[in-house]
C-alpha atoms as a PDB file:
ATOM      1  CA  MET A   1      51.410  87.352 139.227  1.00  0.00           C
ATOM      2  CA  ARG A   2      52.521  83.772 139.315  1.00  0.00           C
ATOM      3  CA  VAL A   3      55.954  82.619 140.425  1.00  0.00           C
ATOM      4  CA  LEU A   4      57.605  80.330 137.871  1.00  0.00           C
ATOM      5  CA  GLN A   5      59.237  77.406 139.681  1.00  0.00           C
ATOM      6  CA  PRO A   6      60.376  74.580 137.389  1.00  0.00           C
ATOM      7  CA  PRO A   7      59.718  71.093 138.818  1.00  0.00           C
ATOM      8  CA  GLY A   8      62.688  69.641 140.660  1.00  0.00           C
ATOM      9  CA  TRP A   9      64.558  72.960 140.923  1.00  0.00           C
ATOM     10  CA  PRO A  10      65.496  74.097 144.421  1.00  0.00           C
ATOM     11  CA  ARG A  11      63.434  77.054 145.584  1.00  0.00           C
ATOM     12  CA  PRO A  12      65.642  80.173 145.573  1.00  0.00           C
ATOM     13  CA  GLN A  13      66.090  82.219 148.743  1.00  0.00           C
ATOM     14  CA  GLY A  14      65.013  85.865 148.499  1.00  0.00           C
ATOM     15  CA  TYR A  15      64.068  85.934 144.809  1.00  0.00           C
ATOM     16  CA  ALA A  16      62.067  84.052 142.163  1.00  0.00           C
ATOM     17  CA  ASN A  17      63.417  82.300 139.078  1.00  0.00           C
ATOM     18  CA  GLY A  18      60.695  83.959 137.048  1.00  0.00           C
ATOM     19  CA  ILE A  19      57.344  85.744 137.243  1.00  0.00           C
ATOM     20  CA  LEU A  20      54.318  85.541 134.942  1.00  0.00           C
ATOM     21  CA  ALA A  21      52.135  88.669 134.988  1.00  0.00           C
ATOM     22  CA  GLU A  22      49.505  90.548 132.990  1.00  0.00           C
ATOM     23  CA  GLY A  23      48.837  94.284 133.103  1.00  0.00           C
ATOM     24  CA  ARG A  24      50.519  97.600 132.336  1.00  0.00           C
ATOM     25  CA  LEU A  25      54.312  97.554 132.267  1.00  0.00           C
ATOM     26  CA  VAL A  26      56.162 100.108 134.381  1.00  0.00           C
ATOM     27  CA  PHE A  27      59.911 100.527 133.907  1.00  0.00           C
ATOM     28  CA  VAL A  28      61.672 102.243 136.793  1.00  0.00           C
ATOM     29  CA  GLY A  29      65.099 103.575 135.902  1.00  0.00           C
ATOM     30  CA  GLY A  30      68.041 102.970 138.198  1.00  0.00           C
ATOM     31  CA  GLN A  31      67.467 104.542 141.605  1.00  0.00           C
ATOM     32  CA  ILE A  32      70.276 105.273 144.028  1.00  0.00           C
ATOM     33  CA  GLY A  33      70.426 106.009 147.743  1.00  0.00           C
ATOM     34  CA  TRP A  34      69.931 109.748 147.669  1.00  0.00           C
ATOM     35  CA  ASP A  35      66.985 111.648 149.032  1.00  0.00           C
ATOM     36  CA  GLU A  36      64.616 113.973 147.170  1.00  0.00           C
ATOM     37  CA  THR A  37      67.148 116.832 147.425  1.00  0.00           C
ATOM     38  CA  GLY A  38      70.004 114.816 145.889  1.00  0.00           C
ATOM     39  CA  ALA A  39      71.797 114.443 149.235  1.00  0.00           C
ATOM     40  CA  PHE A  40      73.182 111.146 150.540  1.00  0.00           C
ATOM     41  CA  PRO A  41      72.142 111.013 154.214  1.00  0.00           C
ATOM     42  CA  ASP A  42      73.367 107.411 154.457  1.00  0.00           C
ATOM     43  CA  ARG A  43      76.971 106.448 153.817  1.00  0.00           C
ATOM     44  CA  ASP A  44      76.523 102.748 154.541  1.00  0.00           C
ATOM     45  CA  LEU A  45      75.240 100.213 152.018  1.00  0.00           C
ATOM     46  CA  THR A  46      72.177  99.181 154.034  1.00  0.00           C
ATOM     47  CA  GLY A  47      71.009 102.785 154.406  1.00  0.00           C
ATOM     48  CA  GLN A  48      71.513 103.414 150.706  1.00  0.00           C
ATOM     49  CA  VAL A  49      69.602 100.222 149.842  1.00  0.00           C
ATOM     50  CA  ARG A  50      66.694 101.468 151.969  1.00  0.00           C
ATOM     51  CA  ARG A  51      66.605 104.810 150.151  1.00  0.00           C
ATOM     52  CA  ALA A  52      67.101 103.274 146.696  1.00  0.00           C
ATOM     53  CA  LEU A  53      64.211 100.834 147.258  1.00  0.00           C
ATOM     54  CA  GLN A  54      62.061 103.649 148.647  1.00  0.00           C
ATOM     55  CA  ASN A  55      62.858 105.661 145.529  1.00  0.00           C
ATOM     56  CA  VAL A  56      61.870 102.728 143.301  1.00  0.00           C
ATOM     57  CA  LEU A  57      58.560 102.412 145.157  1.00  0.00           C
ATOM     58  CA  THR A  58      57.932 106.175 145.009  1.00  0.00           C
ATOM     59  CA  VAL A  59      58.330 106.177 141.225  1.00  0.00           C
ATOM     60  CA  LEU A  60      56.195 103.026 140.942  1.00  0.00           C
ATOM     61  CA  ALA A  61      53.434 104.671 142.999  1.00  0.00           C
ATOM     62  CA  GLU A  62      53.172 107.363 140.293  1.00  0.00           C
ATOM     63  CA  ALA A  63      51.763 104.603 138.051  1.00  0.00           C
ATOM     64  CA  GLY A  64      49.431 103.284 140.754  1.00  0.00           C
ATOM     65  CA  GLY A  65      51.836 100.464 141.568  1.00  0.00           C
ATOM     66  CA  ARG A  66      52.715  98.824 144.849  1.00  0.00           C
ATOM     67  CA  PRO A  67      55.567  96.536 145.940  1.00  0.00           C
ATOM     68  CA  GLU A  68      53.670  93.386 144.992  1.00  0.00           C
ATOM     69  CA  HIS A  69      53.516  94.608 141.378  1.00  0.00           C
ATOM     70  CA  VAL A  70      57.309  94.457 140.978  1.00  0.00           C
ATOM     71  CA  ALA A  71      58.171  91.613 138.593  1.00  0.00           C
ATOM     72  CA  ARG A  72      61.936  92.162 138.328  1.00  0.00           C
ATOM     73  CA  LEU A  73      64.691  93.971 140.201  1.00  0.00           C
ATOM     74  CA  THR A  74      68.292  94.429 139.123  1.00  0.00           C
ATOM     75  CA  TRP A  75      70.728  95.622 141.772  1.00  0.00           C
ATOM     76  CA  TYR A  76      74.122  97.057 140.891  1.00  0.00           C
ATOM     77  CA  VAL A  77      76.496  97.124 143.869  1.00  0.00           C
ATOM     78  CA  THR A  78      79.970  98.591 143.972  1.00  0.00           C
ATOM     79  CA  ASN A  79      81.301  96.068 146.484  1.00  0.00           C
ATOM     80  CA  ARG A  80      80.209  92.437 146.493  1.00  0.00           C
ATOM     81  CA  HIS A  81      81.867  91.767 149.857  1.00  0.00           C
ATOM     82  CA  ASP A  82      79.985  94.649 151.518  1.00  0.00           C
ATOM     83  CA  TYR A  83      76.763  93.322 150.014  1.00  0.00           C
ATOM     84  CA  LEU A  84      77.361  89.805 151.349  1.00  0.00           C
ATOM     85  CA  LYS A  85      78.495  91.126 154.739  1.00  0.00           C
ATOM     86  CA  SER A  86      75.343  93.290 154.986  1.00  0.00           C
ATOM     87  CA  ALA A  87      72.953  90.656 153.588  1.00  0.00           C
ATOM     88  CA  ARG A  88      71.081  90.088 156.847  1.00  0.00           C
ATOM     89  CA  ASP A  89      70.468  93.819 157.428  1.00  0.00           C
ATOM     90  CA  ILE A  90      69.599  94.346 153.764  1.00  0.00           C
ATOM     91  CA  GLY A  91      67.079  91.502 154.090  1.00  0.00           C
ATOM     92  CA  VAL A  92      65.403  93.261 157.017  1.00  0.00           C
ATOM     93  CA  VAL A  93      65.153  96.505 155.015  1.00  0.00           C
ATOM     94  CA  TYR A  94      63.880  94.608 151.968  1.00  0.00           C
ATOM     95  CA  ARG A  95      61.083  92.904 153.939  1.00  0.00           C
ATOM     96  CA  GLU A  96      60.097  96.225 155.583  1.00  0.00           C
ATOM     97  CA  LEU A  97      59.568  97.809 152.180  1.00  0.00           C
ATOM     98  CA  MET A  98      58.653  94.886 149.906  1.00  0.00           C
ATOM     99  CA  GLY A  99      57.010  92.507 152.377  1.00  0.00           C
ATOM    100  CA  ASP A 100      57.254  88.839 151.466  1.00  0.00           C
ATOM    101  CA  HIS A 101      57.184  89.572 147.733  1.00  0.00           C
ATOM    102  CA  TYR A 102      60.255  88.190 145.959  1.00  0.00           C
ATOM    103  CA  PRO A 103      60.355  88.997 142.227  1.00  0.00           C
ATOM    104  CA  ALA A 104      62.891  87.781 139.704  1.00  0.00           C
ATOM    105  CA  MET A 105      66.115  89.442 140.774  1.00  0.00           C
ATOM    106  CA  ALA A 106      69.770  89.827 139.901  1.00  0.00           C
ATOM    107  CA  VAL A 107      72.624  91.414 141.843  1.00  0.00           C
ATOM    108  CA  VAL A 108      75.632  92.544 139.826  1.00  0.00           C
ATOM    109  CA  GLU A 109      78.939  93.927 141.097  1.00  0.00           C
ATOM    110  CA  VAL A 110      80.143  96.930 139.108  1.00  0.00           C
ATOM    111  CA  THR A 111      83.390  98.874 139.388  1.00  0.00           C
ATOM    112  CA  ALA A 112      81.587 102.174 139.899  1.00  0.00           C
ATOM    113  CA  LEU A 113      78.304 104.006 139.472  1.00  0.00           C
ATOM    114  CA  VAL A 114      77.940 107.367 137.744  1.00  0.00           C
ATOM    115  CA  GLU A 115      77.229 109.101 141.079  1.00  0.00           C
ATOM    116  CA  ALA A 116      80.501 108.572 142.979  1.00  0.00           C
ATOM    117  CA  ARG A 117      78.859 108.451 146.443  1.00  0.00           C
ATOM    118  CA  ALA A 118      76.361 105.758 145.412  1.00  0.00           C
ATOM    119  CA  LYS A 119      77.030 102.239 146.647  1.00  0.00           C
ATOM    120  CA  VAL A 120      73.945 100.667 145.018  1.00  0.00           C
ATOM    121  CA  GLU A 121      71.616 101.332 142.107  1.00  0.00           C
ATOM    122  CA  ILE A 122      68.338  99.443 141.734  1.00  0.00           C
ATOM    123  CA  GLU A 123      66.127  99.306 138.647  1.00  0.00           C
ATOM    124  CA  ALA A 124      62.736  97.650 138.424  1.00  0.00           C
ATOM    125  CA  THR A 125      60.120  96.368 136.056  1.00  0.00           C
ATOM    126  CA  ALA A 126      56.592  96.159 137.410  1.00  0.00           C
ATOM    127  CA  VAL A 127      53.267  94.984 136.047  1.00  0.00           C
ATOM    128  CA  VAL A 128      50.416  97.102 137.359  1.00  0.00           C
ATOM    129  CA  PRO A 129      46.876  95.745 137.021  1.00  0.00           C
ATOM    130  CA  PRO A 130      44.791  97.620 134.440  1.00  0.00           C
ATOM    131  CA  ASN A 131      42.245  98.632 137.078  1.00  0.00           C
ATOM    132  CA  SER A 132      44.734 100.658 139.163  1.00  0.00           C
ATOM    133  CA  SER A 133      43.762 104.235 140.054  1.00  0.00           C
ATOM    134  CA  GLU A 134      46.476 105.928 137.950  1.00  0.00           C
ATOM    135  CA  SER A 135      45.363 107.269 134.590  1.00  0.00           C
ATOM    136  CA  LEU A 136      47.570 107.209 131.517  1.00  0.00           C
ATOM    137  CA  VAL A 137      48.635 110.576 130.133  1.00  0.00           C
END
């Protein structure tokens, strides 16, 4: 993957303006902060972000993908102010799970998510190299 940084543009913090990649596309549907049983162990936004990102990476792993293969993330949050207030803690969680990989990203405030207890939903597009260990079915 190559980060797309137009000349003269300021470098964004925590995301990329664009990514150029070649390989197999993986589309991960919106993941929320519940665990594998459908329970919400975390009520706070940061805890739900951790679980939602873990869920994204778990689905991605089914295609042989890793965090560095993520080309785009879209986050839907139910409260912009909570997101901004929790930004530092969310950043720590993000770096734990994604490392220093910052794909193209958008964060959008929505009035609600389908699952009433969810505070965040994250969807992803990844580009997995053709030589990954996962086989296509």
